[in-house]
Amino acid sequence: MDSDVRKIDGIELRFGEVLRQLRLERGLSQEGLGFQSGYHRTYISLLERGQKSPSLQTIFRLAGALSVAPDEIIRAMQPQETPKIPQSDKD
């Protein structure tokens, strides 16, 4: 059960990381992103720290404010897998 909670927390933290990265790349403050998306700065802060889980509507509104497709945010949240190196038969 604890591992399930950590997975959810990890998703929220990863969303927050991606949101913060996109916001900074566009030169927006939390207040600026809040203004563009219609959310309060404190809500943006809670999202970025992984303390709130965004609804689907929130993801779409933030994506619009950041000029990205909502699926780009979701894709960016996925962990980058390291390529698996095939084992040789000699080992």
N, C-alpha and C. Protein backbone atom coordinates (compact mmCIF):
# COMPACT_ATOMS: atom_id res chain seq x y z
N MET A 1 0.82 -1.20 0.00
CA MET A 1 0.00 0.00 0.00
C MET A 1 0.86 1.26 0.00
N ASP A 2 1.92 1.28 0.79
CA ASP A 2 2.78 2.46 0.83
C ASP A 2 3.41 2.75 -0.52
N SER A 3 3.75 1.69 -1.27
CA SER A 3 4.35 1.92 -2.58
C SER A 3 3.36 2.59 -3.53
N ASP A 4 2.05 2.28 -3.40
CA ASP A 4 1.04 2.93 -4.22
C ASP A 4 0.98 4.41 -3.91
N VAL A 5 1.07 4.77 -2.63
CA VAL A 5 1.04 6.18 -2.23
C VAL A 5 2.26 6.90 -2.78
N ARG A 6 3.41 6.26 -2.70
CA ARG A 6 4.63 6.89 -3.21
C ARG A 6 4.54 7.10 -4.71
N LYS A 7 3.93 6.17 -5.44
CA LYS A 7 3.77 6.33 -6.89
C LYS A 7 2.93 7.55 -7.19
N ILE A 8 1.84 7.72 -6.46
CA ILE A 8 0.98 8.89 -6.68
C ILE A 8 1.74 10.15 -6.34
N ASP A 9 2.41 10.16 -5.21
CA ASP A 9 3.21 11.33 -4.83
C ASP A 9 4.25 11.63 -5.88
N GLY A 10 4.87 10.58 -6.42
CA GLY A 10 5.87 10.77 -7.46
C GLY A 10 5.29 11.42 -8.70
N ILE A 11 4.09 11.04 -9.06
CA ILE A 11 3.43 11.63 -10.22
C ILE A 11 3.19 13.11 -9.99
N GLU A 12 2.70 13.44 -8.81
CA GLU A 12 2.43 14.85 -8.51
C GLU A 12 3.72 15.66 -8.47
N LEU A 13 4.76 15.08 -7.91
CA LEU A 13 6.06 15.78 -7.88
C LEU A 13 6.60 15.97 -9.28
N ARG A 14 6.48 14.94 -10.10
CA ARG A 14 6.98 15.04 -11.47
C ARG A 14 6.19 16.08 -12.26
N PHE A 15 4.86 16.12 -12.08
CA PHE A 15 4.07 17.15 -12.74
C PHE A 15 4.58 18.53 -12.32
N GLY A 16 4.81 18.70 -11.04
CA GLY A 16 5.31 19.98 -10.54
C GLY A 16 6.64 20.37 -11.14
N GLU A 17 7.53 19.40 -11.28
CA GLU A 17 8.84 19.68 -11.89
C GLU A 17 8.69 20.13 -13.34
N VAL A 18 7.84 19.42 -14.07
CA VAL A 18 7.63 19.75 -15.48
C VAL A 18 6.97 21.13 -15.60
N LEU A 19 5.98 21.38 -14.77
CA LEU A 19 5.30 22.68 -14.79
C LEU A 19 6.28 23.81 -14.51
N ARG A 20 7.10 23.64 -13.49
CA ARG A 20 8.08 24.67 -13.14
C ARG A 20 9.07 24.89 -14.28
N GLN A 21 9.57 23.80 -14.87
CA GLN A 21 10.52 23.91 -15.97
C GLN A 21 9.90 24.68 -17.15
N LEU A 22 8.68 24.32 -17.52
CA LEU A 22 8.02 25.01 -18.63
C LEU A 22 7.79 26.49 -18.31
N ARG A 23 7.38 26.76 -17.08
CA ARG A 23 7.13 28.15 -16.68
C ARG A 23 8.41 28.97 -16.77
N LEU A 24 9.51 28.43 -16.25
CA LEU A 24 10.78 29.15 -16.27
C LEU A 24 11.31 29.33 -17.68
N GLU A 25 11.14 28.31 -18.53
CA GLU A 25 11.58 28.42 -19.93
C GLU A 25 10.86 29.56 -20.65
N ARG A 26 9.66 29.86 -20.22
CA ARG A 26 8.89 30.92 -20.85
C ARG A 26 9.04 32.27 -20.13
N GLY A 27 9.88 32.28 -19.12
CA GLY A 27 10.16 33.53 -18.41
C GLY A 27 8.99 34.04 -17.58
N LEU A 28 8.15 33.13 -17.13
CA LEU A 28 6.99 33.53 -16.33
C LEU A 28 7.24 33.30 -14.85
N SER A 29 6.73 34.20 -14.05
CA SER A 29 6.70 33.99 -12.61
C SER A 29 5.48 33.12 -12.30
N GLN A 30 5.40 32.64 -11.08
CA GLN A 30 4.20 31.90 -10.69
C GLN A 30 2.97 32.80 -10.80
N GLU A 31 3.14 34.05 -10.45
CA GLU A 31 2.03 35.00 -10.57
C GLU A 31 1.64 35.20 -12.03
N GLY A 32 2.64 35.30 -12.91
CA GLY A 32 2.36 35.48 -14.33
C GLY A 32 1.63 34.28 -14.92
N LEU A 33 2.07 33.07 -14.56
CA LEU A 33 1.39 31.88 -15.04
C LEU A 33 -0.03 31.81 -14.46
N GLY A 34 -0.16 32.20 -13.21
CA GLY A 34 -1.48 32.23 -12.61
C GLY A 34 -2.42 33.18 -13.34
N PHE A 35 -1.90 34.34 -13.68
CA PHE A 35 -2.71 35.32 -14.41
C PHE A 35 -3.11 34.77 -15.77
N GLN A 36 -2.15 34.17 -16.48
CA GLN A 36 -2.42 33.64 -17.82
C GLN A 36 -3.42 32.48 -17.80
N SER A 37 -3.38 31.68 -16.74
CA SER A 37 -4.22 30.48 -16.68
C SER A 37 -5.50 30.66 -15.88
N GLY A 38 -5.57 31.74 -15.12
CA GLY A 38 -6.76 31.98 -14.30
C GLY A 38 -6.68 31.37 -12.91
N TYR A 39 -5.50 30.91 -12.52
CA TYR A 39 -5.32 30.34 -11.19
C TYR A 39 -4.53 31.30 -10.31
N HIS A 40 -4.69 31.16 -9.01
CA HIS A 40 -3.95 31.99 -8.06
C HIS A 40 -2.50 31.49 -7.96
N ARG A 41 -1.60 32.40 -7.70
CA ARG A 41 -0.18 32.09 -7.58
C ARG A 41 0.07 30.99 -6.55
N THR A 42 -0.67 31.01 -5.45
CA THR A 42 -0.45 30.00 -4.42
C THR A 42 -0.83 28.60 -4.91
N TYR A 43 -1.83 28.50 -5.78
CA TYR A 43 -2.20 27.21 -6.35
C TYR A 43 -1.10 26.72 -7.29
N ILE A 44 -0.53 27.61 -8.08
CA ILE A 44 0.59 27.25 -8.96
C ILE A 44 1.74 26.73 -8.11
N SER A 45 2.01 27.39 -7.00
CA SER A 45 3.07 26.98 -6.09
C SER A 45 2.80 25.58 -5.52
N LEU A 46 1.58 25.33 -5.11
CA LEU A 46 1.21 24.01 -4.58
C LEU A 46 1.38 22.92 -5.64
N LEU A 47 1.02 23.22 -6.88
CA LEU A 47 1.20 22.26 -7.97
C LEU A 47 2.69 21.98 -8.19
N GLU A 48 3.48 23.03 -8.23
CA GLU A 48 4.91 22.87 -8.50
C GLU A 48 5.62 22.09 -7.39
N ARG A 49 5.13 22.18 -6.19
CA ARG A 49 5.73 21.44 -5.07
C ARG A 49 5.13 20.05 -4.90
N GLY A 50 4.20 19.68 -5.78
CA GLY A 50 3.60 18.36 -5.71
C GLY A 50 2.63 18.18 -4.57
N GLN A 51 2.12 19.29 -4.03
CA GLN A 51 1.21 19.22 -2.90
C GLN A 51 -0.25 19.19 -3.32
N LYS A 52 -0.50 19.44 -4.59
CA LYS A 52 -1.85 19.35 -5.16
C LYS A 52 -1.77 18.54 -6.43
N SER A 53 -2.83 17.82 -6.70
CA SER A 53 -2.92 17.03 -7.92
C SER A 53 -3.84 17.78 -8.89
N PRO A 54 -3.36 18.07 -10.10
CA PRO A 54 -4.18 18.85 -11.03
C PRO A 54 -5.30 18.01 -11.65
N SER A 55 -6.42 18.65 -11.90
CA SER A 55 -7.49 17.99 -12.65
C SER A 55 -7.14 18.04 -14.13
N LEU A 56 -7.88 17.31 -14.90
CA LEU A 56 -7.69 17.32 -16.35
C LEU A 56 -7.92 18.72 -16.90
N GLN A 57 -8.92 19.40 -16.39
CA GLN A 57 -9.19 20.77 -16.82
C GLN A 57 -8.01 21.68 -16.50
N THR A 58 -7.41 21.50 -15.33
CA THR A 58 -6.26 22.31 -14.94
C THR A 58 -5.09 22.07 -15.88
N ILE A 59 -4.84 20.83 -16.23
CA ILE A 59 -3.74 20.52 -17.14
C ILE A 59 -3.95 21.23 -18.48
N PHE A 60 -5.17 21.19 -18.98
CA PHE A 60 -5.47 21.85 -20.26
C PHE A 60 -5.32 23.36 -20.16
N ARG A 61 -5.79 23.95 -19.07
CA ARG A 61 -5.68 25.42 -18.92
C ARG A 61 -4.22 25.85 -18.78
N LEU A 62 -3.45 25.10 -18.01
CA LEU A 62 -2.03 25.43 -17.86
C LEU A 62 -1.30 25.25 -19.18
N ALA A 63 -1.61 24.18 -19.89
CA ALA A 63 -0.98 23.96 -21.19
C ALA A 63 -1.27 25.12 -22.14
N GLY A 64 -2.50 25.59 -22.16
CA GLY A 64 -2.84 26.73 -22.99
C GLY A 64 -2.06 27.97 -22.61
N ALA A 65 -1.94 28.21 -21.32
CA ALA A 65 -1.20 29.38 -20.84
C ALA A 65 0.29 29.27 -21.16
N LEU A 66 0.80 28.04 -21.24
CA LEU A 66 2.22 27.81 -21.53
C LEU A 66 2.49 27.58 -23.01
N SER A 67 1.44 27.61 -23.82
CA SER A 67 1.53 27.39 -25.28
C SER A 67 2.16 26.04 -25.62
N VAL A 68 1.70 25.01 -24.92
CA VAL A 68 2.11 23.64 -25.24
C VAL A 68 0.86 22.77 -25.30
N ALA A 69 0.97 21.67 -25.98
CA ALA A 69 -0.14 20.71 -26.01
C ALA A 69 -0.18 19.98 -24.66
N PRO A 70 -1.36 19.72 -24.14
CA PRO A 70 -1.46 19.02 -22.86
C PRO A 70 -0.71 17.70 -22.83
N ASP A 71 -0.73 16.97 -23.96
CA ASP A 71 -0.02 15.68 -23.97
C ASP A 71 1.49 15.85 -23.87
N GLU A 72 2.02 17.01 -24.25
CA GLU A 72 3.45 17.25 -24.10
C GLU A 72 3.83 17.30 -22.62
N ILE A 73 2.95 17.86 -21.81
CA ILE A 73 3.20 17.91 -20.36
C ILE A 73 3.23 16.49 -19.81
N ILE A 74 2.25 15.69 -20.21
CA ILE A 74 2.17 14.32 -19.73
C ILE A 74 3.38 13.51 -20.19
N ARG A 75 3.75 13.65 -21.45
CA ARG A 75 4.92 12.93 -21.97
C ARG A 75 6.19 13.32 -21.23
N ALA A 76 6.32 14.60 -20.92
CA ALA A 76 7.52 15.08 -20.22
C ALA A 76 7.60 14.52 -18.79
N MET A 77 6.47 14.11 -18.25
CA MET A 77 6.45 13.56 -16.90
C MET A 77 6.98 12.14 -16.85
N GLN A 78 6.94 11.44 -17.97
CA GLN A 78 7.35 10.04 -17.98
C GLN A 78 8.85 9.94 -17.74
N PRO A 79 9.24 8.99 -16.89
CA PRO A 79 10.67 8.85 -16.61
C PRO A 79 11.43 8.43 -17.87
N GLN A 80 12.59 8.98 -18.00
CA GLN A 80 13.43 8.63 -19.14
C GLN A 80 14.11 7.31 -18.84
N GLU A 81 13.86 6.34 -19.68
CA GLU A 81 14.47 5.04 -19.47
C GLU A 81 15.89 5.04 -20.03
N THR A 82 16.78 4.43 -19.28
CA THR A 82 18.13 4.28 -19.78
C THR A 82 18.15 3.09 -20.73
N PRO A 83 18.85 3.22 -21.85
CA PRO A 83 18.86 2.12 -22.80
C PRO A 83 19.48 0.87 -22.18
N LYS A 84 18.86 -0.27 -22.45
CA LYS A 84 19.39 -1.54 -21.95
C LYS A 84 20.47 -2.03 -22.89
N ILE A 85 21.59 -2.34 -22.31
CA ILE A 85 22.71 -2.85 -23.10
C ILE A 85 22.60 -4.37 -23.13
N PRO A 86 22.51 -4.93 -24.32
CA PRO A 86 22.39 -6.39 -24.38
C PRO A 86 23.63 -7.06 -23.82
N GLN A 87 23.43 -8.15 -23.11
CA GLN A 87 24.52 -8.91 -22.54
C GLN A 87 25.11 -9.80 -23.64
N SER A 88 26.41 -9.85 -23.68
CA SER A 88 27.02 -10.74 -24.68
C SER A 88 27.07 -12.16 -24.13
N ASP A 89 27.14 -13.09 -25.03
CA ASP A 89 27.19 -14.51 -24.65
C ASP A 89 28.52 -14.88 -24.00
N LYS A 90 29.52 -14.02 -24.14
CA LYS A 90 30.85 -14.31 -23.60
C LYS A 90 30.91 -14.17 -22.09
N ASP A 91 29.98 -13.43 -21.50
CA ASP A 91 30.04 -13.20 -20.05
C ASP A 91 29.64 -14.39 -19.27
